[in-house]
């Protein structure tokens, strides 16, 4: 049975890539022992203080204006409310 030349080329390229990685030329070689499967979020990606989920109703034009400020509008709104509470305005 004749071997597919494309498969042979792929195999040769793969073996060369592995050899380069082992020599440290391109990437670090990870052994199964080094790879530990973890579920959930990466370590350090969760804030130490948690936030509570809230459902609230806003006027349509107010919500539109908040969203128009771009990504992160909910965080900015939370900051404004927290500052108002600390200042005693709420």
PDB file of N, CA and C in Angstrom:
ATOM      1  N   UNK A   1       0.843  -1.181   0.000  1.00  0.00           N
ATOM      2  CA  UNK A   1       0.000   0.000   0.000  1.00  0.00           C
ATOM      3  C   UNK A   1       0.885   1.240   0.000  1.00  0.00           C
ATOM      4  N   UNK A   2       0.609   2.156  -0.912  1.00  0.00           N
ATOM      5  CA  UNK A   2       1.402   3.375  -1.034  1.00  0.00           C
ATOM      6  C   UNK A   2       0.927   4.413  -0.018  1.00  0.00           C
ATOM      7  N   UNK A   3       1.873   5.056   0.627  1.00  0.00           N
ATOM      8  CA  UNK A   3       1.568   6.048   1.660  1.00  0.00           C
ATOM      9  C   UNK A   3       1.317   7.406   1.024  1.00  0.00           C
ATOM     10  N   UNK A   4       0.346   8.127   1.550  1.00  0.00           N
ATOM     11  CA  UNK A   4      -0.017   9.457   1.053  1.00  0.00           C
ATOM     12  C   UNK A   4       1.133  10.424   1.311  1.00  0.00           C
ATOM     13  N   UNK A   5       1.678  11.070   0.269  1.00  0.00           N
ATOM     14  CA  UNK A   5       2.812  11.980   0.469  1.00  0.00           C
ATOM     15  C   UNK A   5       2.461  13.183   1.351  1.00  0.00           C
ATOM     16  N   UNK A   6       1.235  13.638   1.294  1.00  0.00           N
ATOM     17  CA  UNK A   6       0.828  14.768   2.127  1.00  0.00           C
ATOM     18  C   UNK A   6       0.867  14.379   3.604  1.00  0.00           C
ATOM     19  N   UNK A   7       0.428  13.164   3.912  1.00  0.00           N
ATOM     20  CA  UNK A   7       0.469  12.678   5.276  1.00  0.00           C
ATOM     21  C   UNK A   7       1.914  12.511   5.753  1.00  0.00           C
ATOM     22  N   UNK A   8       2.769  12.042   4.880  1.00  0.00           N
ATOM     23  CA  UNK A   8       4.185  11.882   5.219  1.00  0.00           C
ATOM     24  C   UNK A   8       4.815  13.242   5.521  1.00  0.00           C
ATOM     25  N   UNK A   9       4.515  14.235   4.693  1.00  0.00           N
ATOM     26  CA  UNK A   9       5.042  15.587   4.919  1.00  0.00           C
ATOM     27  C   UNK A   9       4.543  16.151   6.247  1.00  0.00           C
ATOM     28  N   UNK A  10       3.262  15.939   6.531  1.00  0.00           N
ATOM     29  CA  UNK A  10       2.700  16.414   7.794  1.00  0.00           C
ATOM     30  C   UNK A  10       3.398  15.757   8.971  1.00  0.00           C
ATOM     31  N   UNK A  11       3.587  14.451   8.889  1.00  0.00           N
ATOM     32  CA  UNK A  11       4.248  13.724   9.973  1.00  0.00           C
ATOM     33  C   UNK A  11       5.669  14.236  10.187  1.00  0.00           C
ATOM     34  N   UNK A  12       6.401  14.462   9.113  1.00  0.00           N
ATOM     35  CA  UNK A  12       7.765  14.980   9.226  1.00  0.00           C
ATOM     36  C   UNK A  12       7.786  16.375   9.853  1.00  0.00           C
ATOM     37  N   UNK A  13       6.870  17.226   9.420  1.00  0.00           N
ATOM     38  CA  UNK A  13       6.785  18.582   9.984  1.00  0.00           C
ATOM     39  C   UNK A  13       6.427  18.537  11.466  1.00  0.00           C
ATOM     40  N   UNK A  14       5.511  17.655  11.824  1.00  0.00           N
ATOM     41  CA  UNK A  14       5.111  17.521  13.218  1.00  0.00           C
ATOM     42  C   UNK A  14       6.275  17.050  14.081  1.00  0.00           C
ATOM     43  N   UNK A  15       7.003  16.062  13.608  1.00  0.00           N
ATOM     44  CA  UNK A  15       8.149  15.556  14.361  1.00  0.00           C
ATOM     45  C   UNK A  15       9.229  16.629  14.514  1.00  0.00           C
ATOM     46  N   UNK A  16       9.437  17.440  13.486  1.00  0.00           N
ATOM     47  CA  UNK A  16      10.411  18.521  13.562  1.00  0.00           C
ATOM     48  C   UNK A  16       9.949  19.588  14.556  1.00  0.00           C
ATOM     49  N   UNK A  17       8.661  19.883  14.565  1.00  0.00           N
ATOM     50  CA  UNK A  17       8.130  20.860  15.527  1.00  0.00           C
ATOM     51  C   UNK A  17       8.312  20.374  16.955  1.00  0.00           C
ATOM     52  N   UNK A  18       8.082  19.101  17.180  1.00  0.00           N
ATOM     53  CA  UNK A  18       8.264  18.533  18.515  1.00  0.00           C
ATOM     54  C   UNK A  18       9.730  18.619  18.925  1.00  0.00           C
ATOM     55  N   UNK A  19      10.619  18.311  17.993  1.00  0.00           N
ATOM     56  CA  UNK A  19      12.056  18.388  18.291  1.00  0.00           C
ATOM     57  C   UNK A  19      12.471  19.818  18.620  1.00  0.00           C
ATOM     58  N   UNK A  20      11.951  20.797  17.883  1.00  0.00           N
ATOM     59  CA  UNK A  20      12.261  22.205  18.149  1.00  0.00           C
ATOM     60  C   UNK A  20      11.740  22.617  19.526  1.00  0.00           C
ATOM     61  N   UNK A  21      10.542  22.171  19.859  1.00  0.00           N
ATOM     62  CA  UNK A  21       9.974  22.511  21.162  1.00  0.00           C
ATOM     63  C   UNK A  21      10.808  21.912  22.285  1.00  0.00           C
ATOM     64  N   UNK A  22      11.255  20.685  22.113  1.00  0.00           N
ATOM     65  CA  UNK A  22      12.079  20.047  23.138  1.00  0.00           C
ATOM     66  C   UNK A  22      13.414  20.765  23.318  1.00  0.00           C
ATOM     67  N   UNK A  23      13.919  21.336  22.240  1.00  0.00           N
ATOM     68  CA  UNK A  23      15.167  22.097  22.324  1.00  0.00           C
ATOM     69  C   UNK A  23      14.919  23.499  22.880  1.00  0.00           C
ATOM     70  N   UNK A  24      13.664  23.852  23.064  1.00  0.00           N
ATOM     71  CA  UNK A  24      13.316  25.162  23.607  1.00  0.00           C
ATOM     72  C   UNK A  24      13.348  26.262  22.578  1.00  0.00           C
ATOM     73  N   UNK A  25      13.304  25.921  21.327  1.00  0.00           N
ATOM     74  CA  UNK A  25      13.380  26.942  20.280  1.00  0.00           C
ATOM     75  C   UNK A  25      12.077  27.710  20.104  1.00  0.00           C
ATOM     76  N   UNK A  26      10.955  27.064  20.324  1.00  0.00           N
ATOM     77  CA  UNK A  26       9.690  27.747  20.051  1.00  0.00           C
ATOM     78  C   UNK A  26       8.716  27.730  21.212  1.00  0.00           C
ATOM     79  N   UNK A  27       8.643  26.640  21.914  1.00  0.00           N
ATOM     80  CA  UNK A  27       7.646  26.546  22.975  1.00  0.00           C
ATOM     81  C   UNK A  27       8.102  25.560  24.033  1.00  0.00           C
ATOM     82  N   UNK A  28       7.494  25.657  25.152  1.00  0.00           N
ATOM     83  CA  UNK A  28       7.787  24.741  26.233  1.00  0.00           C
ATOM     84  C   UNK A  28       6.998  23.455  26.022  1.00  0.00           C
ATOM     85  N   UNK A  29       7.605  22.346  26.331  1.00  0.00           N
ATOM     86  CA  UNK A  29       6.933  21.059  26.208  1.00  0.00           C
ATOM     87  C   UNK A  29       6.203  20.783  27.515  1.00  0.00           C
ATOM     88  N   UNK A  30       4.932  20.484  27.415  1.00  0.00           N
ATOM     89  CA  UNK A  30       4.122  20.187  28.588  1.00  0.00           C
ATOM     90  C   UNK A  30       3.847  18.697  28.635  1.00  0.00           C
ATOM     91  N   UNK A  31       4.221  18.087  29.732  1.00  0.00           N
ATOM     92  CA  UNK A  31       3.940  16.671  29.923  1.00  0.00           C
ATOM     93  C   UNK A  31       2.575  16.532  30.582  1.00  0.00           C
ATOM     94  N   UNK A  32       1.962  15.364  30.491  1.00  0.00           N
ATOM     95  CA  UNK A  32       0.658  15.193  31.136  1.00  0.00           C
ATOM     96  C   UNK A  32       0.702  15.504  32.630  1.00  0.00           C
ATOM     97  N   UNK A  33       1.828  15.235  33.279  1.00  0.00           N
ATOM     98  CA  UNK A  33       1.933  15.523  34.707  1.00  0.00           C
ATOM     99  C   UNK A  33       1.916  17.025  34.979  1.00  0.00           C
ATOM    100  N   UNK A  34       2.386  17.823  34.014  1.00  0.00           N
ATOM    101  CA  UNK A  34       2.419  19.269  34.191  1.00  0.00           C
ATOM    102  C   UNK A  34       1.048  19.908  33.951  1.00  0.00           C
ATOM    103  N   UNK A  35       0.204  19.207  33.214  1.00  0.00           N
ATOM    104  CA  UNK A  35      -1.112  19.748  32.868  1.00  0.00           C
ATOM    105  C   UNK A  35      -2.122  19.231  33.881  1.00  0.00           C
ATOM    106  N   UNK A  36      -2.656  20.135  34.662  1.00  0.00           N
ATOM    107  CA  UNK A  36      -3.636  19.765  35.673  1.00  0.00           C
ATOM    108  C   UNK A  36      -4.968  20.357  35.245  1.00  0.00           C
ATOM    109  N   UNK A  37      -5.921  19.500  34.999  1.00  0.00           N
ATOM    110  CA  UNK A  37      -7.241  19.971  34.574  1.00  0.00           C
ATOM    111  C   UNK A  37      -7.947  20.606  35.752  1.00  0.00           C
ATOM    112  N   UNK A  38      -8.334  21.871  35.584  1.00  0.00           N
ATOM    113  CA  UNK A  38      -9.073  22.580  36.618  1.00  0.00           C
ATOM    114  C   UNK A  38     -10.396  23.034  36.035  1.00  0.00           C
ATOM    115  N   UNK A  39     -11.391  22.951  36.843  1.00  0.00           N
ATOM    116  CA  UNK A  39     -12.694  23.442  36.417  1.00  0.00           C
ATOM    117  C   UNK A  39     -12.908  24.830  37.015  1.00  0.00           C
ATOM    118  N   UNK A  40     -13.709  25.613  36.346  1.00  0.00           N
ATOM    119  CA  UNK A  40     -14.054  26.927  36.872  1.00  0.00           C
ATOM    120  C   UNK A  40     -13.140  28.021  36.368  1.00  0.00           C
ATOM    121  N   UNK A  41     -13.225  29.149  37.002  1.00  0.00           N
ATOM    122  CA  UNK A  41     -12.453  30.324  36.588  1.00  0.00           C
ATOM    123  C   UNK A  41     -11.000  30.183  37.007  1.00  0.00           C
ATOM    124  N   UNK A  42     -10.099  30.819  36.261  1.00  0.00           N
ATOM    125  CA  UNK A  42      -8.682  30.781  36.634  1.00  0.00           C
ATOM    126  C   UNK A  42      -8.452  31.429  37.993  1.00  0.00           C
ATOM    127  N   UNK A  43      -7.415  30.990  38.688  1.00  0.00           N
ATOM    128  CA  UNK A  43      -7.092  31.563  39.984  1.00  0.00           C
ATOM    129  C   UNK A  43      -6.828  33.058  39.852  1.00  0.00           C
ATOM    130  N   UNK A  44      -7.326  33.826  40.774  1.00  0.00           N
ATOM    131  CA  UNK A  44      -7.098  35.265  40.756  1.00  0.00           C
ATOM    132  C   UNK A  44      -8.056  36.037  39.885  1.00  0.00           C
ATOM    133  N   UNK A  45      -8.965  35.350  39.185  1.00  0.00           N
ATOM    134  CA  UNK A  45      -9.871  36.069  38.297  1.00  0.00           C
ATOM    135  C   UNK A  45     -11.165  36.487  38.991  1.00  0.00           C
ATOM    136  N   UNK A  46     -11.331  36.075  40.233  1.00  0.00           N
ATOM    137  CA  UNK A  46     -12.551  36.409  40.966  1.00  0.00           C
ATOM    138  C   UNK A  46     -12.212  37.448  42.024  1.00  0.00           C
ATOM    139  N   UNK A  47     -12.977  38.518  42.051  1.00  0.00           N
ATOM    140  CA  UNK A  47     -12.735  39.593  43.012  1.00  0.00           C
ATOM    141  C   UNK A  47     -12.976  39.101  44.430  1.00  0.00           C
ATOM    142  N   UNK A  48     -12.236  39.674  45.368  1.00  0.00           N
ATOM    143  CA  UNK A  48     -12.382  39.252  46.760  1.00  0.00           C
ATOM    144  C   UNK A  48     -13.732  39.686  47.332  1.00  0.00           C
ATOM    145  N   UNK A  49     -14.279  40.797  46.851  1.00  0.00           N
ATOM    146  CA  UNK A  49     -15.605  41.216  47.291  1.00  0.00           C
ATOM    147  C   UNK A  49     -16.608  40.828  46.215  1.00  0.00           C
ATOM    148  N   UNK A  50     -17.705  40.276  46.650  1.00  0.00           N
ATOM    149  CA  UNK A  50     -18.706  39.840  45.680  1.00  0.00           C
ATOM    150  C   UNK A  50     -19.787  40.890  45.534  1.00  0.00           C
ATOM    151  N   UNK A  51     -20.497  40.811  44.447  1.00  0.00           N
ATOM    152  CA  UNK A  51     -21.594  41.726  44.189  1.00  0.00           C
ATOM    153  C   UNK A  51     -22.891  40.939  44.180  1.00  0.00           C
ATOM    154  N   UNK A  52     -23.976  41.597  44.524  1.00  0.00           N
ATOM    155  CA  UNK A  52     -25.285  40.960  44.528  1.00  0.00           C
ATOM    156  C   UNK A  52     -26.002  41.287  43.221  1.00  0.00           C
ATOM    157  N   UNK A  53     -26.722  40.304  42.707  1.00  0.00           N
ATOM    158  CA  UNK A  53     -27.513  40.514  41.493  1.00  0.00           C
ATOM    159  C   UNK A  53     -28.745  41.348  41.842  1.00  0.00           C
ATOM    160  N   UNK A  54     -29.120  42.246  40.934  1.00  0.00           N
ATOM    161  CA  UNK A  54     -30.232  43.154  41.176  1.00  0.00           C
ATOM    162  C   UNK A  54     -31.067  43.277  39.910  1.00  0.00           C
ATOM    163  N   UNK A  55     -32.358  43.225  40.067  1.00  0.00           N
ATOM    164  CA  UNK A  55     -33.267  43.537  38.959  1.00  0.00           C
ATOM    165  C   UNK A  55     -33.923  44.857  39.298  1.00  0.00           C
ATOM    166  N   UNK A  56     -33.795  45.823  38.396  1.00  0.00           N
ATOM    167  CA  UNK A  56     -34.443  47.107  38.652  1.00  0.00           C
ATOM    168  C   UNK A  56     -34.958  47.674  37.340  1.00  0.00           C
ATOM    169  N   UNK A  57     -35.934  48.525  37.456  1.00  0.00           N
ATOM    170  CA  UNK A  57     -36.546  49.124  36.275  1.00  0.00           C
ATOM    171  C   UNK A  57     -36.106  50.577  36.185  1.00  0.00           C
ATOM    172  N   UNK A  58     -35.669  50.972  34.987  1.00  0.00           N
ATOM    173  CA  UNK A  58     -35.255  52.358  34.736  1.00  0.00           C
ATOM    174  C   UNK A  58     -36.076  52.915  33.590  1.00  0.00           C
ATOM    175  N   UNK A  59     -36.160  54.220  33.545  1.00  0.00           N
ATOM    176  CA  UNK A  59     -36.800  54.877  32.407  1.00  0.00           C
ATOM    177  C   UNK A  59     -36.021  54.492  31.145  1.00  0.00           C
ATOM    178  N   UNK A  60     -36.712  54.319  30.039  1.00  0.00           N
ATOM    179  CA  UNK A  60     -36.085  53.877  28.798  1.00  0.00           C
ATOM    180  C   UNK A  60     -34.979  54.828  28.343  1.00  0.00           C
ATOM    181  N   UNK A  61     -35.223  56.146  28.441  1.00  0.00           N
ATOM    182  CA  UNK A  61     -34.210  57.111  28.005  1.00  0.00           C
ATOM    183  C   UNK A  61     -32.988  57.101  28.919  1.00  0.00           C
ATOM    184  N   UNK A  62     -33.193  56.842  30.214  1.00  0.00           N
ATOM    185  CA  UNK A  62     -32.071  56.757  31.152  1.00  0.00           C
ATOM    186  C   UNK A  62     -31.208  55.553  30.822  1.00  0.00           C
ATOM    187  N   UNK A  63     -31.858  54.413  30.604  1.00  0.00           N
ATOM    188  CA  UNK A  63     -31.128  53.193  30.260  1.00  0.00           C
ATOM    189  C   UNK A  63     -30.382  53.361  28.937  1.00  0.00           C
ATOM    190  N   UNK A  64     -31.014  53.996  27.973  1.00  0.00           N
ATOM    191  CA  UNK A  64     -30.380  54.227  26.673  1.00  0.00           C
ATOM    192  C   UNK A  64     -29.134  55.112  26.833  1.00  0.00           C
ATOM    193  N   UNK A  65     -29.234  56.136  27.657  1.00  0.00           N
ATOM    194  CA  UNK A  65     -28.094  57.033  27.885  1.00  0.00           C
ATOM    195  C   UNK A  65     -26.948  56.295  28.575  1.00  0.00           C
ATOM    196  N   UNK A  66     -27.272  55.438  29.539  1.00  0.00           N
ATOM    197  CA  UNK A  66     -26.236  54.662  30.221  1.00  0.00           C
ATOM    198  C   UNK A  66     -25.534  53.726  29.244  1.00  0.00           C
ATOM    199  N   UNK A  67     -26.309  53.000  28.464  1.00  0.00           N
ATOM    200  CA  UNK A  67     -25.726  52.068  27.491  1.00  0.00           C
ATOM    201  C   UNK A  67     -24.902  52.790  26.432  1.00  0.00           C
ATOM    202  N   UNK A  68     -25.277  54.014  26.114  1.00  0.00           N
ATOM    203  CA  UNK A  68     -24.563  54.786  25.097  1.00  0.00           C
ATOM    204  C   UNK A  68     -23.152  55.157  25.548  1.00  0.00           C
ATOM    205  N   UNK A  69     -22.897  55.069  26.857  1.00  0.00           N
ATOM    206  CA  UNK A  69     -21.554  55.396  27.346  1.00  0.00           C
ATOM    207  C   UNK A  69     -20.554  54.287  27.022  1.00  0.00           C
ATOM    208  N   UNK A  70     -21.037  53.155  26.552  1.00  0.00           N
ATOM    209  CA  UNK A  70     -20.137  52.088  26.111  1.00  0.00           C
ATOM    210  C   UNK A  70     -19.990  50.961  27.115  1.00  0.00           C
ATOM    211  N   UNK A  71     -19.090  50.068  26.750  1.00  0.00           N
ATOM    212  CA  UNK A  71     -18.852  48.880  27.574  1.00  0.00           C
ATOM    213  C   UNK A  71     -18.416  49.298  28.982  1.00  0.00           C
ATOM    214  N   UNK A  72     -18.962  48.600  29.976  1.00  0.00           N
ATOM    215  CA  UNK A  72     -18.631  48.906  31.361  1.00  0.00           C
ATOM    216  C   UNK A  72     -19.612  49.850  32.023  1.00  0.00           C
ATOM    217  N   UNK A  73     -20.720  50.121  31.357  1.00  0.00           N
ATOM    218  CA  UNK A  73     -21.670  51.089  31.909  1.00  0.00           C
ATOM    219  C   UNK A  73     -22.245  50.625  33.234  1.00  0.00           C
ATOM    220  N   UNK A  74     -22.439  49.325  33.409  1.00  0.00           N
ATOM    221  CA  UNK A  74     -23.002  48.829  34.662  1.00  0.00           C
ATOM    222  C   UNK A  74     -22.025  49.045  35.823  1.00  0.00           C
ATOM    223  N   UNK A  75     -20.750  48.832  35.573  1.00  0.00           N
ATOM    224  CA  UNK A  75     -19.740  49.058  36.602  1.00  0.00           C
ATOM    225  C   UNK A  75     -19.670  50.533  36.969  1.00  0.00           C
ATOM    226  N   UNK A  76     -19.714  51.402  35.953  1.00  0.00           N
ATOM    227  CA  UNK A  76     -19.701  52.843  36.223  1.00  0.00           C
ATOM    228  C   UNK A  76     -20.924  53.271  37.018  1.00  0.00           C
ATOM    229  N   UNK A  77     -22.080  52.724  36.688  1.00  0.00           N
ATOM    230  CA  UNK A  77     -23.300  53.046  37.424  1.00  0.00           C
ATOM    231  C   UNK A  77     -23.177  52.587  38.874  1.00  0.00           C
ATOM    232  N   UNK A  78     -22.628  51.406  39.079  1.00  0.00           N
ATOM    233  CA  UNK A  78     -22.422  50.892  40.432  1.00  0.00           C
ATOM    234  C   UNK A  78     -21.506  51.809  41.230  1.00  0.00           C
ATOM    235  N   UNK A  79     -20.454  52.320  40.588  1.00  0.00           N
ATOM    236  CA  UNK A  79     -19.514  53.230  41.254  1.00  0.00           C
ATOM    237  C   UNK A  79     -20.200  54.529  41.655  1.00  0.00           C
ATOM    238  N   UNK A  80     -21.016  55.074  40.771  1.00  0.00           N
ATOM    239  CA  UNK A  80     -21.733  56.325  41.062  1.00  0.00           C
ATOM    240  C   UNK A  80     -22.678  56.123  42.245  1.00  0.00           C
ATOM    241  N   UNK A  81     -23.393  55.012  42.255  1.00  0.00           N
ATOM    242  CA  UNK A  81     -24.316  54.742  43.364  1.00  0.00           C
ATOM    243  C   UNK A  81     -23.544  54.572  44.671  1.00  0.00           C
ATOM    244  N   UNK A  82     -22.436  53.825  44.636  1.00  0.00           N
ATOM    245  CA  UNK A  82     -21.631  53.616  45.851  1.00  0.00           C
ATOM    246  C   UNK A  82     -21.101  54.935  46.395  1.00  0.00           C
ATOM    247  N   UNK A  83     -20.643  55.830  45.503  1.00  0.00           N
ATOM    248  CA  UNK A  83     -20.140  57.134  45.940  1.00  0.00           C
ATOM    249  C   UNK A  83     -21.251  57.974  46.554  1.00  0.00           C
ATOM    250  N   UNK A  84     -22.458  57.890  45.984  1.00  0.00           N
ATOM    251  CA  UNK A  84     -23.590  58.648  46.517  1.00  0.00           C
ATOM    252  C   UNK A  84     -23.959  58.137  47.912  1.00  0.00           C
ATOM    253  N   UNK A  85     -23.900  56.824  48.103  1.00  0.00           N
ATOM    254  CA  UNK A  85     -24.202  56.253  49.423  1.00  0.00           C
ATOM    255  C   UNK A  85     -23.159  56.703  50.440  1.00  0.00           C
ATOM    256  N   UNK A  86     -21.870  56.643  50.061  1.00  0.00           N
ATOM    257  CA  UNK A  86     -20.798  57.039  50.975  1.00  0.00           C
ATOM    258  C   UNK A  86     -20.884  58.523  51.340  1.00  0.00           C
ATOM    259  N   UNK A  87     -21.318  59.332  50.387  1.00  0.00           N
ATOM    260  CA  UNK A  87     -21.434  60.781  50.633  1.00  0.00           C
ATOM    261  C   UNK A  87     -22.719  61.135  51.374  1.00  0.00           C
ATOM    262  N   UNK A  88     -23.584  60.164  51.597  1.00  0.00           N
ATOM    263  CA  UNK A  88     -24.821  60.418  52.335  1.00  0.00           C
ATOM    264  C   UNK A  88     -25.928  61.022  51.490  1.00  0.00           C
ATOM    265  N   UNK A  89     -25.756  61.026  50.180  1.00  0.00           N
ATOM    266  CA  UNK A  89     -26.788  61.580  49.307  1.00  0.00           C
ATOM    267  C   UNK A  89     -27.936  60.598  49.131  1.00  0.00           C
ATOM    268  N   UNK A  90     -27.707  59.360  49.417  1.00  0.00           N
ATOM    269  CA  UNK A  90     -28.774  58.337  49.292  1.00  0.00           C
ATOM    270  C   UNK A  90     -28.956  57.692  50.643  1.00  0.00           C
TER     271      UNK A  90
END
